[in-house]
Amino acid sequence: MTVRAAVLPAIGAPLEITDIELPDPGPGRIRVRLAAAGVCHSDLSLSDGTMRLPVPAVLGHEGAGTVVAVGEGVTRIAPGDDVVLNWAPSCGSCHACSLGEIWLCADALKGAAAVHAHTVDGTALHPGLNVAAFAEETVVPVACALPAPAGIPLTDAALLGCAVLTGYGAVHHSAQVREGETVAVFGVGGVGLAALQAARIAGASRIIAVDVSPAKEELARTAGATDYVVASPETPREIRALTGRQGVDVAVECVGRAVTIRAAWESTRRGGRTTVVGIGGKEEQVTFNALEIFHWGRTLSGCVYGNSDPARDLPVLADHVRAGRLSLSTLVTEHITLAEIPTAFENMRTGKGARALITF
């Protein structure tokens, strides 16, 4: 069948909004009509080559919708079910999965190399991060779908599939923020806003938001920030001044730039923890000297998908949403149509806004 989609024709090329030919779901696969899809910075990283996956591709990895058809052998999901898309399904059998670290599954992105659909002229298209959510409908393996939480509109639930899992997981699973600790979050985009809320839920005593844009202060404070710092070379000094000259217990970096990672590290107290969530390019080199690593006793760790298990964590997040502790609408700065995705990409490049949500 023919559906409208956003296609990345080549690395570095602008997205094209065009018709594609989507196949019927084969064995073990389902077709989903999208209700909404978030425009995430990871999609931008795919388009500019920071993350390398096959092209041409249909991008979009954060979405929710309704199942309209299922292929042979699919029993746990039926037409009419509402689902949240999971772009990184675990295989359950690789070394990482055997250790319970399913967010590091070796085969999670294996499906990105498959042929997802075709252009009207017959060119094969890949699913950018497995689920190809920048389209009116998509076909995905059943492993890429989780039951949508009851009582949460699909247009909100779409954000649970990446931004919220990542930001919440960075705070609760990777950094393991404890009640009373101080936290700094670098980057007030969708993931950063989720991290700010997660720090508040964890009971952090002081939550400092850092961003290059002064205009994001109100948004950050709404999400839970007690203080706001406009990023500059003096940021670590300002954060230490706000924390009794100690630095924060935990810094969460959601940008993926060497200068920001270094600033987050320097803003953390002796013995503190710095968690890097942002996806940076190979050219972003971060350097440390051996003496400072010894002296400061800090922990620096990477964080993939919030170190989350979506099947376990989605119901927990839903409980926070229903109880009013977690606001999904706070993460969205504008609602757009599929045709407006190229503009949303440009806004991400220039640091405007926090997150756009495509509604279908």
Protein backbone atom coordinates (compact mmCIF):
# COMPACT_ATOMS: atom_id res chain seq x y z
CA MET A 1 0.00 0.00 0.00
CA THR A 2 1.08 3.61 -0.54
CA VAL A 3 1.76 5.84 2.47
CA ARG A 4 3.37 9.23 2.99
CA ALA A 5 6.81 9.20 4.65
CA ALA A 6 9.97 11.22 5.32
CA VAL A 7 12.87 9.66 3.42
CA LEU A 8 16.58 10.34 3.87
CA PRO A 9 17.96 9.77 0.34
CA ALA A 10 21.64 10.03 1.31
CA ILE A 11 23.84 11.06 4.24
CA GLY A 12 23.82 14.85 4.53
CA ALA A 13 20.90 15.28 2.13
CA PRO A 14 17.66 16.99 3.17
CA LEU A 15 14.69 14.81 4.02
CA GLU A 16 12.15 14.25 1.27
CA ILE A 17 8.44 13.97 2.06
CA THR A 18 7.17 11.49 -0.48
CA ASP A 19 4.96 8.45 -1.11
CA ILE A 20 6.43 4.99 -0.45
CA GLU A 21 5.17 1.50 -1.13
CA LEU A 22 4.77 -0.33 2.19
CA PRO A 23 4.45 -4.13 2.05
CA ASP A 24 1.94 -6.23 3.96
CA PRO A 25 3.35 -7.57 7.23
CA GLY A 26 5.16 -10.86 6.77
CA PRO A 27 5.67 -13.60 9.39
CA GLY A 28 6.39 -12.16 12.82
CA ARG A 29 5.67 -8.59 11.73
CA ILE A 30 2.88 -6.07 12.27
CA ARG A 31 1.63 -2.95 10.50
CA VAL A 32 1.03 0.11 12.67
CA ARG A 33 -0.89 3.30 11.85
CA LEU A 34 1.06 6.07 13.59
CA ALA A 35 -0.74 8.49 15.91
CA ALA A 36 2.39 10.51 16.67
CA ALA A 37 6.17 10.46 16.32
CA GLY A 38 8.78 12.51 18.14
CA VAL A 39 11.53 14.30 16.24
CA CYS A 40 14.59 13.19 18.20
CA HIS A 41 18.19 14.36 17.92
CA SER A 42 19.24 10.78 17.11
CA ASP A 43 17.39 11.12 13.80
CA LEU A 44 19.52 14.18 13.07
CA SER A 45 22.61 12.15 13.97
CA LEU A 46 21.56 9.57 11.39
CA SER A 47 20.97 12.17 8.71
CA ASP A 48 24.39 13.81 9.12
CA GLY A 49 26.34 10.55 9.42
CA THR A 50 27.25 10.73 13.13
CA MET A 51 25.46 7.40 13.49
CA ARG A 52 25.97 5.22 10.42
CA LEU A 53 23.15 3.04 9.14
CA PRO A 54 22.11 2.06 5.60
CA VAL A 55 20.48 4.65 3.33
CA PRO A 56 18.18 5.56 1.71
CA ALA A 57 16.03 5.17 4.77
CA VAL A 58 12.78 6.17 6.41
CA LEU A 59 13.78 7.87 9.67
CA GLY A 60 11.87 8.18 12.94
CA HIS A 61 12.31 5.91 15.95
CA GLU A 62 10.06 7.38 18.65
CA GLY A 63 6.38 6.75 18.04
CA ALA A 64 3.08 5.20 19.01
CA GLY A 65 0.06 4.05 17.08
CA THR A 66 -2.57 1.39 16.47
CA VAL A 67 -1.98 -2.05 14.96
CA VAL A 68 -3.95 -2.45 11.75
CA ALA A 69 -2.67 -5.84 10.55
CA VAL A 70 -0.47 -8.70 11.74
CA GLY A 71 1.56 -11.30 9.90
CA GLU A 72 1.68 -15.06 10.31
CA GLY A 73 2.66 -16.29 13.74
CA VAL A 74 1.88 -13.08 15.62
CA THR A 75 -0.24 -13.91 18.65
CA ARG A 76 0.53 -11.47 21.46
CA ILE A 77 -0.64 -8.42 19.49
CA ALA A 78 -3.84 -8.08 17.48
CA PRO A 79 -5.35 -5.51 15.12
CA GLY A 80 -6.83 -2.67 17.14
CA ASP A 81 -4.17 -2.81 19.87
CA ASP A 82 -2.38 0.43 20.73
CA VAL A 83 1.41 0.15 20.92
CA VAL A 84 4.54 2.14 21.70
CA LEU A 85 7.40 1.46 19.29
CA ASN A 86 10.67 0.10 20.69
CA TRP A 87 13.56 0.92 18.33
CA ALA A 88 16.10 -1.30 20.16
CA PRO A 89 14.55 -4.71 20.80
CA SER A 90 16.87 -7.12 22.60
CA CYS A 91 17.67 -10.53 21.11
CA GLY A 92 17.83 -12.18 24.55
CA SER A 93 20.77 -14.40 23.62
CA CYS A 94 23.89 -12.30 22.94
CA HIS A 95 26.55 -11.75 25.61
CA ALA A 96 25.14 -8.38 26.75
CA CYS A 97 21.62 -9.78 27.02
CA SER A 98 22.91 -12.76 29.01
CA LEU A 99 24.32 -10.25 31.52
CA GLY A 100 20.98 -8.45 31.73
CA GLU A 101 22.38 -5.41 29.88
CA ILE A 102 19.79 -5.52 27.13
CA TRP A 103 20.39 -1.87 26.19
CA LEU A 104 23.76 -3.05 24.82
CA CYS A 105 22.26 -5.91 22.76
CA ALA A 106 24.60 -6.76 19.88
CA ASP A 107 21.68 -7.41 17.54
CA ALA A 108 19.39 -4.54 18.55
CA LEU A 109 19.90 -2.64 15.28
CA LYS A 110 20.23 -5.66 13.03
CA GLY A 111 16.87 -4.88 11.44
CA ALA A 112 18.12 -1.52 10.15
CA ALA A 113 19.89 -3.33 7.31
CA ALA A 114 16.66 -4.96 6.10
CA VAL A 115 14.57 -3.66 3.21
CA HIS A 116 11.63 -1.89 4.79
CA ALA A 117 9.74 -0.49 1.81
CA HIS A 118 10.28 0.93 -1.69
CA THR A 119 9.90 4.30 -3.32
CA VAL A 120 7.31 4.54 -6.06
CA ASP A 121 10.11 4.07 -8.61
CA GLY A 122 11.27 0.83 -6.92
CA THR A 123 14.26 2.02 -4.87
CA ALA A 124 14.71 -0.07 -1.72
CA LEU A 125 14.38 1.78 1.60
CA HIS A 126 15.73 0.80 5.02
CA PRO A 127 14.17 1.52 8.44
CA GLY A 128 16.50 4.14 9.98
CA LEU A 129 16.39 2.81 13.54
CA ASN A 130 14.28 -0.29 13.00
CA VAL A 131 10.82 1.29 13.17
CA ALA A 132 10.61 4.00 10.46
CA ALA A 133 8.14 6.13 12.42
CA PHE A 134 8.25 9.19 10.13
CA ALA A 135 5.39 7.80 8.08
CA GLU A 136 1.63 7.49 8.19
CA GLU A 137 2.06 3.73 8.68
CA THR A 138 4.98 1.40 9.26
CA VAL A 139 5.70 -2.34 9.32
CA VAL A 140 7.91 -3.60 12.17
CA PRO A 141 8.89 -6.88 13.84
CA VAL A 142 6.52 -7.66 16.69
CA ALA A 143 9.51 -7.34 19.07
CA CYS A 144 9.55 -3.62 18.25
CA ALA A 145 6.12 -3.06 19.79
CA LEU A 146 5.14 -2.72 23.44
CA PRO A 147 1.57 -2.38 24.77
CA ALA A 148 0.67 1.29 25.11
CA PRO A 149 -0.02 2.24 28.74
CA ALA A 150 -3.69 2.61 29.58
CA GLY A 151 -4.98 6.08 30.29
CA ILE A 152 -2.26 7.93 28.36
CA PRO A 153 -3.10 9.41 24.93
CA LEU A 154 -1.06 7.89 22.11
CA THR A 155 0.15 11.35 21.14
CA ASP A 156 1.81 11.57 24.56
CA ALA A 157 2.83 7.91 24.78
CA ALA A 158 4.96 8.32 21.65
CA LEU A 159 7.55 10.20 23.72
CA LEU A 160 7.96 7.28 26.11
CA GLY A 161 9.71 5.26 23.41
CA CYS A 162 12.97 7.20 23.50
CA ALA A 163 13.27 10.64 25.14
CA VAL A 164 11.65 9.70 28.44
CA LEU A 165 13.19 6.24 28.71
CA THR A 166 16.60 7.76 27.99
CA GLY A 167 16.39 10.77 30.31
CA TYR A 168 14.70 8.89 33.15
CA GLY A 169 17.05 5.93 32.80
CA ALA A 170 20.15 8.14 32.78
CA VAL A 171 19.15 9.48 36.19
CA HIS A 172 17.71 6.34 37.80
CA HIS A 173 19.69 3.50 36.20
CA SER A 174 23.02 4.94 35.08
CA ALA A 175 23.74 7.74 37.59
CA GLN A 176 21.49 6.20 40.26
CA VAL A 177 20.65 9.56 41.80
CA ARG A 178 19.76 9.30 45.49
CA GLU A 179 17.44 11.46 47.54
CA GLY A 180 19.12 14.66 48.68
CA GLU A 181 21.87 14.63 46.05
CA THR A 182 22.61 17.56 43.77
CA VAL A 183 22.29 17.19 40.00
CA ALA A 184 23.27 19.21 36.93
CA VAL A 185 21.71 18.46 33.54
CA PHE A 186 23.54 19.77 30.49
CA GLY A 187 21.25 20.35 27.50
CA VAL A 188 17.58 21.25 27.82
CA GLY A 189 16.23 19.29 24.87
CA GLY A 190 13.71 16.47 25.10
CA VAL A 191 16.05 14.06 26.89
CA GLY A 192 17.36 16.80 29.17
CA LEU A 193 13.84 17.82 30.17
CA ALA A 194 13.05 14.18 30.96
CA ALA A 195 16.26 13.98 33.04
CA LEU A 196 15.29 17.11 34.99
CA GLN A 197 11.93 15.57 35.86
CA ALA A 198 13.58 12.28 36.76
CA ALA A 199 15.96 14.08 39.14
CA ARG A 200 12.98 15.73 40.81
CA ILE A 201 11.23 12.35 41.12
CA ALA A 202 14.42 10.92 42.66
CA GLY A 203 14.32 13.61 45.34
CA ALA A 204 17.39 15.61 44.30
CA SER A 205 17.87 18.61 46.60
CA ARG A 206 19.23 20.95 43.93
CA ILE A 207 18.73 20.54 40.18
CA ILE A 208 20.78 22.80 37.92
CA ALA A 209 19.87 23.05 34.23
CA VAL A 210 22.54 24.19 31.76
CA ASP A 211 21.90 25.28 28.18
CA VAL A 212 23.26 27.75 25.64
CA SER A 213 19.83 29.35 25.26
CA PRO A 214 18.54 31.76 27.93
CA ALA A 215 15.07 31.29 26.45
CA LYS A 216 14.84 27.74 27.83
CA GLU A 217 14.99 28.76 31.49
CA GLU A 218 11.24 28.82 32.07
CA LEU A 219 10.84 25.42 30.40
CA ALA A 220 13.67 23.97 32.50
CA ARG A 221 12.21 25.31 35.75
CA THR A 222 8.80 23.89 34.84
CA ALA A 223 10.46 20.48 34.46
CA GLY A 224 12.05 20.71 37.90
CA ALA A 225 15.20 22.82 37.70
CA THR A 226 15.89 24.85 40.84
CA ASP A 227 18.64 26.84 39.09
CA TYR A 228 19.49 27.76 35.51
CA VAL A 229 22.95 28.46 34.08
CA VAL A 230 23.56 29.79 30.57
CA ALA A 231 26.45 27.73 29.21
CA SER A 232 29.82 29.48 29.02
CA PRO A 233 33.48 28.72 29.82
CA GLU A 234 32.60 29.69 33.40
CA THR A 235 29.86 27.06 33.80
CA PRO A 236 31.81 24.69 36.12
CA ARG A 237 32.78 27.64 38.34
CA GLU A 238 29.15 28.82 38.50
CA ILE A 239 27.93 25.34 39.42
CA ARG A 240 30.52 25.00 42.17
CA ALA A 241 29.40 28.39 43.51
CA LEU A 242 25.83 27.07 43.70
CA THR A 243 26.92 23.97 45.62
CA GLY A 244 29.12 25.28 48.39
CA ARG A 245 32.21 25.18 46.15
CA GLN A 246 31.94 21.40 45.98
CA GLY A 247 30.31 20.68 42.63
CA VAL A 248 27.26 18.51 42.06
CA ASP A 249 27.01 14.87 43.06
CA VAL A 250 25.82 13.96 39.56
CA ALA A 251 26.15 15.60 36.13
CA VAL A 252 24.10 14.31 33.20
CA GLU A 253 25.37 15.40 29.77
CA CYS A 254 22.69 15.34 27.06
CA VAL A 255 24.50 17.19 24.25
CA GLY A 256 27.31 14.97 22.95
CA ARG A 257 30.04 17.61 22.53
CA ALA A 258 33.56 17.39 23.91
CA VAL A 259 33.36 20.81 25.53
CA THR A 260 30.08 19.94 27.25
CA ILE A 261 31.32 16.56 28.49
CA ARG A 262 34.42 18.24 29.88
CA ALA A 263 32.30 20.94 31.56
CA ALA A 264 30.02 18.31 33.10
CA TRP A 265 33.07 16.45 34.44
CA GLU A 266 34.53 19.63 35.95
CA SER A 267 31.16 20.52 37.51
CA THR A 268 31.04 17.27 39.47
CA ARG A 269 32.34 17.09 43.03
CA ARG A 270 35.30 14.98 44.07
CA GLY A 271 34.00 11.40 44.01
CA GLY A 272 30.94 12.41 41.97
CA ARG A 273 29.42 10.80 38.91
CA THR A 274 29.21 12.09 35.33
CA THR A 275 26.87 10.29 32.92
CA VAL A 276 27.14 10.99 29.19
CA VAL A 277 23.91 10.53 27.27
CA GLY A 278 24.55 12.79 24.25
CA ILE A 279 25.68 11.20 20.98
CA GLY A 280 28.78 12.93 19.63
CA GLY A 281 30.87 12.40 16.54
CA LYS A 282 34.30 10.78 16.36
CA GLU A 283 35.88 14.20 15.96
CA GLU A 284 34.70 15.19 19.45
CA GLN A 285 37.79 14.24 21.48
CA VAL A 286 37.70 14.58 25.28
CA THR A 287 41.03 14.63 27.13
CA PHE A 288 42.00 14.10 30.78
CA ASN A 289 45.36 13.95 32.47
CA ALA A 290 46.31 11.01 34.65
CA LEU A 291 46.74 13.08 37.81
CA GLU A 292 43.23 14.60 37.71
CA ILE A 293 41.64 11.19 37.24
CA PHE A 294 43.38 10.02 40.40
CA HIS A 295 42.87 13.21 42.38
CA TRP A 296 39.18 13.81 41.70
CA GLY A 297 38.07 10.19 42.02
CA ARG A 298 35.13 10.87 39.74
CA THR A 299 33.25 8.28 37.72
CA LEU A 300 32.64 8.97 34.01
CA SER A 301 30.25 6.61 32.26
CA GLY A 302 28.40 6.30 28.99
CA CYS A 303 24.68 5.66 28.88
CA VAL A 304 22.84 3.92 26.03
CA TYR A 305 19.05 4.29 25.85
CA GLY A 306 19.06 5.22 29.53
CA ASN A 307 20.40 1.74 30.43
CA SER A 308 16.71 0.86 30.28
CA ASP A 309 14.65 -2.25 29.80
CA PRO A 310 11.61 -0.82 27.95
CA ALA A 311 9.31 -3.68 28.89
CA ARG A 312 10.16 -3.18 32.58
CA ASP A 313 10.40 0.60 32.64
CA LEU A 314 7.44 1.64 30.47
CA PRO A 315 4.84 0.69 33.12
CA VAL A 316 6.88 2.54 35.77
CA LEU A 317 6.96 5.69 33.65
CA ALA A 318 3.24 5.36 32.97
CA ASP A 319 2.56 5.28 36.71
CA HIS A 320 4.55 8.51 37.13
CA VAL A 321 2.58 10.12 34.29
CA ARG A 322 -0.80 9.09 35.66
CA ALA A 323 0.18 10.30 39.15
CA GLY A 324 1.20 13.69 37.78
CA ARG A 325 4.86 13.31 38.72
CA LEU A 326 6.00 13.21 35.09
CA SER A 327 4.66 15.58 32.43
CA LEU A 328 5.01 14.50 28.83
CA SER A 329 3.59 17.72 27.40
CA THR A 330 6.52 19.61 28.95
CA LEU A 331 8.85 17.85 26.50
CA VAL A 332 7.06 19.18 23.43
CA THR A 333 7.56 22.71 22.18
CA GLU A 334 5.53 22.40 19.00
CA HIS A 335 3.14 20.04 17.25
CA ILE A 336 3.87 19.66 13.55
CA THR A 337 2.75 17.77 10.47
CA LEU A 338 4.83 15.27 8.54
CA ALA A 339 5.57 17.94 5.92
CA GLU A 340 7.20 20.15 8.57
CA ILE A 341 9.89 17.65 9.63
CA PRO A 342 12.67 19.34 7.57
CA THR A 343 12.02 22.59 9.45
CA ALA A 344 12.10 20.74 12.78
CA PHE A 345 15.49 19.25 11.81
CA GLU A 346 16.84 22.71 11.12
CA ASN A 347 15.58 23.92 14.49
CA MET A 348 17.48 21.09 16.18
CA ARG A 349 20.66 22.02 14.32
CA THR A 350 20.42 25.61 15.54
CA GLY A 351 19.34 24.73 19.10
CA LYS A 352 15.83 26.17 18.86
CA GLY A 353 13.10 24.52 20.92
CA ALA A 354 13.19 21.28 22.88
CA ARG A 355 11.18 18.75 20.92
CA ALA A 356 8.72 18.68 18.05
CA LEU A 357 5.97 16.06 17.89
CA ILE A 358 4.46 14.93 14.60
CA THR A 359 0.78 14.13 14.84
CA PHE A 360 -0.96 12.20 12.09
